[in-house]
Each structure stands twice: as structure tokens, then as C-alpha cells.
C-alpha atoms as a PDB file:
ATOM      1  CA  MET A   1      13.593  -2.085  -5.766  1.00  0.00           C
ATOM      2  CA  ASN A   2      10.074  -2.759  -4.549  1.00  0.00           C
ATOM      3  CA  ASP A   3       7.435  -1.952  -7.165  1.00  0.00           C
ATOM      4  CA  PHE A   4       4.600  -2.748  -4.780  1.00  0.00           C
ATOM      5  CA  VAL A   5       2.886   0.108  -2.947  1.00  0.00           C
ATOM      6  CA  PHE A   6       2.302  -1.817   0.274  1.00  0.00           C
ATOM      7  CA  ASP A   7       4.463  -3.530   2.864  1.00  0.00           C
ATOM      8  CA  THR A   8       5.349  -7.163   2.229  1.00  0.00           C
ATOM      9  CA  SER A   9       7.158  -9.973   3.987  1.00  0.00           C
ATOM     10  CA  ALA A  10       9.709 -12.115   2.174  1.00  0.00           C
ATOM     11  CA  GLU A  11       7.078 -14.857   1.829  1.00  0.00           C
ATOM     12  CA  THR A  12       4.472 -12.470   0.490  1.00  0.00           C
ATOM     13  CA  ARG A  13       6.971 -10.920  -1.922  1.00  0.00           C
ATOM     14  CA  GLU A  14       7.730 -14.382  -3.293  1.00  0.00           C
ATOM     15  CA  LEU A  15       3.999 -14.926  -3.874  1.00  0.00           C
ATOM     16  CA  LEU A  16       3.622 -11.502  -5.503  1.00  0.00           C
ATOM     17  CA  ASP A  17       6.451 -12.292  -7.897  1.00  0.00           C
ATOM     18  CA  ALA A  18       4.737 -15.602  -8.738  1.00  0.00           C
ATOM     19  CA  ILE A  19       1.474 -13.738  -9.410  1.00  0.00           C
ATOM     20  CA  VAL A  20       3.276 -11.290 -11.713  1.00  0.00           C
ATOM     21  CA  ASP A  21       4.897 -14.184 -13.582  1.00  0.00           C
ATOM     22  CA  GLU A  22       1.566 -16.018 -13.881  1.00  0.00           C
ATOM     23  CA  MET A  23      -0.320 -12.953 -15.095  1.00  0.00           C
ATOM     24  CA  SER A  24       2.389 -12.096 -17.602  1.00  0.00           C
ATOM     25  CA  SER A  25       2.545 -15.585 -19.065  1.00  0.00           C
ATOM     26  CA  THR A  26      -1.149 -16.523 -18.885  1.00  0.00           C
ATOM     27  CA  PHE A  27      -2.620 -13.225 -20.095  1.00  0.00           C
ATOM     28  CA  SER A  28       0.309 -11.923 -22.176  1.00  0.00           C
ATOM     29  CA  ILE A  29       0.484  -8.639 -20.292  1.00  0.00           C
ATOM     30  CA  PRO A  30       3.711  -6.798 -19.475  1.00  0.00           C
ATOM     31  CA  ARG A  31       5.187  -7.095 -15.999  1.00  0.00           C
ATOM     32  CA  PRO A  32       4.459  -3.433 -15.088  1.00  0.00           C
ATOM     33  CA  GLU A  33       0.771  -3.947 -15.866  1.00  0.00           C
ATOM     34  CA  ALA A  34       0.657  -7.045 -13.667  1.00  0.00           C
ATOM     35  CA  VAL A  35       2.300  -5.083 -10.832  1.00  0.00           C
ATOM     36  CA  ALA A  36      -0.210  -2.249 -11.314  1.00  0.00           C
ATOM     37  CA  ARG A  37      -3.129  -4.662 -11.133  1.00  0.00           C
ATOM     38  CA  ILE A  38      -1.762  -6.181  -7.912  1.00  0.00           C
ATOM     39  CA  ASN A  39      -1.121  -2.728  -6.427  1.00  0.00           C
ATOM     40  CA  GLU A  40      -4.683  -1.716  -7.245  1.00  0.00           C
ATOM     41  CA  HIS A  41      -6.050  -4.900  -5.692  1.00  0.00           C
ATOM     42  CA  TRP A  42      -4.032  -4.846  -2.449  1.00  0.00           C
ATOM     43  CA  GLY A  43      -2.917  -1.218  -2.231  1.00  0.00           C
ATOM     44  CA  GLY A  44      -3.238   0.183   1.265  1.00  0.00           C
ATOM     45  CA  LEU A  45      -2.966  -3.200   2.946  1.00  0.00           C
ATOM     46  CA  ASP A  46      -0.074  -4.385   5.085  1.00  0.00           C
ATOM     47  CA  LEU A  47       1.072  -7.783   3.824  1.00  0.00           C
ATOM     48  CA  SER A  48       4.238  -7.875   5.905  1.00  0.00           C
ATOM     49  CA  SER A  49       3.139 -10.659   8.220  1.00  0.00           C
ATOM     50  CA  GLY A  50       4.575 -14.087   7.489  1.00  0.00           C
ATOM     51  CA  ASP A  51       1.145 -15.634   7.990  1.00  0.00           C
ATOM     52  CA  ASP A  52      -1.007 -13.412   5.783  1.00  0.00           C
ATOM     53  CA  LEU A  53      -4.199 -14.993   4.495  1.00  0.00           C
ATOM     54  CA  VAL A  54      -3.089 -14.320   0.899  1.00  0.00           C
ATOM     55  CA  LEU A  55      -0.390 -16.957   1.380  1.00  0.00           C
ATOM     56  CA  HIS A  56      -3.052 -19.676   1.587  1.00  0.00           C
ATOM     57  CA  GLU A  57      -3.533 -19.560  -2.192  1.00  0.00           C
ATOM     58  CA  ASP A  58      -0.958 -19.821  -4.992  1.00  0.00           C
ATOM     59  CA  GLY A  59       0.084 -17.445  -7.756  1.00  0.00           C
ATOM     60  CA  TYR A  60      -2.255 -19.045 -10.292  1.00  0.00           C
ATOM     61  CA  TYR A  61      -5.305 -18.503  -8.073  1.00  0.00           C
ATOM     62  CA  TRP A  62      -4.488 -14.854  -7.358  1.00  0.00           C
ATOM     63  CA  ALA A  63      -3.553 -14.103 -10.979  1.00  0.00           C
ATOM     64  CA  LEU A  64      -6.992 -15.207 -12.158  1.00  0.00           C
ATOM     65  CA  TRP A  65      -8.814 -13.621  -9.212  1.00  0.00           C
ATOM     66  CA  ILE A  66      -7.154 -10.227  -9.709  1.00  0.00           C
ATOM     67  CA  TYR A  67      -7.231 -10.211 -13.528  1.00  0.00           C
ATOM     68  CA  PHE A  68     -10.912 -11.183 -13.735  1.00  0.00           C
ATOM     69  CA  ASP A  69     -11.934  -9.271 -10.597  1.00  0.00           C
ATOM     70  CA  GLY A  70     -13.094 -12.431  -8.860  1.00  0.00           C
ATOM     71  CA  ALA A  71     -15.366 -13.566 -11.702  1.00  0.00           C
ATOM     72  CA  VAL A  72     -13.688 -16.918 -12.405  1.00  0.00           C
ATOM     73  CA  PRO A  73     -16.247 -19.513 -13.540  1.00  0.00           C
ATOM     74  CA  ASP A  74     -13.685 -22.243 -14.264  1.00  0.00           C
ATOM     75  CA  TRP A  75     -10.362 -22.589 -12.452  1.00  0.00           C
ATOM     76  CA  SER A  76      -8.896 -25.293 -14.687  1.00  0.00           C
ATOM     77  CA  PRO A  77      -5.772 -24.274 -16.619  1.00  0.00           C
ATOM     78  CA  GLN A  78      -7.413 -25.522 -19.855  1.00  0.00           C
ATOM     79  CA  ALA A  79     -10.538 -23.350 -19.426  1.00  0.00           C
ATOM     80  CA  ASP A  80     -11.707 -21.430 -22.463  1.00  0.00           C
ATOM     81  CA  ARG A  81     -11.408 -17.819 -21.283  1.00  0.00           C
ATOM     82  CA  THR A  82     -12.158 -16.157 -24.622  1.00  0.00           C
ATOM     83  CA  ALA A  83     -15.558 -14.863 -23.423  1.00  0.00           C
ATOM     84  CA  TRP A  84     -14.364 -13.776 -19.987  1.00  0.00           C
ATOM     85  CA  VAL A  85     -14.006 -10.056 -19.404  1.00  0.00           C
ATOM     86  CA  PRO A  86     -10.930  -8.918 -17.493  1.00  0.00           C
ATOM     87  CA  ARG A  87     -11.022  -5.964 -15.163  1.00  0.00           C
ATOM     88  CA  ALA A  88      -9.586  -2.895 -16.886  1.00  0.00           C
ATOM     89  CA  ALA A  89      -5.968  -2.146 -16.040  1.00  0.00           C
ATOM     90  CA  PRO A  90      -5.442   0.865 -13.772  1.00  0.00           C
ATOM     91  CA  SER A  91      -4.748   4.131 -15.549  1.00  0.00           C
ATOM     92  CA  ARG A  92      -1.098   5.133 -15.833  1.00  0.00           C
ATOM     93  CA  ASP A  93      -1.658   8.115 -13.520  1.00  0.00           C
ATOM     94  CA  SER A  94      -3.368   6.033 -10.806  1.00  0.00           C
ATOM     95  CA  GLY A  95      -0.239   5.616  -8.695  1.00  0.00           C
ATOM     96  CA  HIS A  96      -0.468   1.828  -9.033  1.00  0.00           C
ATOM     97  CA  TRP A  97       2.103   1.435 -11.806  1.00  0.00           C
ATOM     98  CA  PRO A  98       5.813   0.962 -11.021  1.00  0.00           C
ATOM     99  CA  ALA A  99       7.711   4.258 -11.110  1.00  0.00           C
ATOM    100  CA  GLN A 100       9.665   3.375 -14.252  1.00  0.00           C
ATOM    101  CA  ALA A 101       6.497   2.478 -16.166  1.00  0.00           C
ATOM    102  CA  ARG A 102       4.923   5.809 -15.169  1.00  0.00           C
ATOM    103  CA  ALA A 103       8.055   7.631 -16.358  1.00  0.00           C
ATOM    104  CA  ASP A 104       8.038   5.738 -19.662  1.00  0.00           C
ATOM    105  CA  GLY A 105       4.383   6.687 -20.120  1.00  0.00           C
END
């Protein structure tokens, strides 16, 4: 089942799964929230081409970019992020959350 609200290629889907894993482990957020954040960020785009620009960065890069809405002053894994402000997660009724997470409320 595809939880993403946009078209993806196999390569892009692999990257999206890596972003979800990175966001979940780095920021201690549940998988559905990570998916919702990605859907909000790229919703409406077609990422089904095997040469999409998003593939030029890795899951770590995109996890930080999406979670902090592009405001990433230090890309090192050891950075002290305690003062950084993440973008608010999309609301549950936004249409960005996976269907099961919306049903669970």
C-alpha cells in the first residue's frame, strides 16, 4: 500500500522510505507523522521519473530539510538541535496522513 499522495518511481519510493526511517529515528516521531510531513512537502508533485532531482540528495538531507522546513544551520549528525524549531506536523484532517492514521485519529 502506498501511503504517499503523489506518484513515485521505485527509486523515489526507496528514498521516501529512507526519509521516513531517518525522521522516525532522528526525531523520535511515528512513521505516520513522517509520511504526513513528506506528503505535505511534496504533495501534488509527480516524482515518478527515475531521474527526479530529489534523488540527488539522501534520506538524511531530506529528513532534516522537511522536518525543519529548510532552516538547517548545521548538517552534521552531531549538531545540537535542541534550539531548532521544527515545522508543525500537518493536522490529522489535512489529507496528508496515511489512511490508517486518519482512521485511528
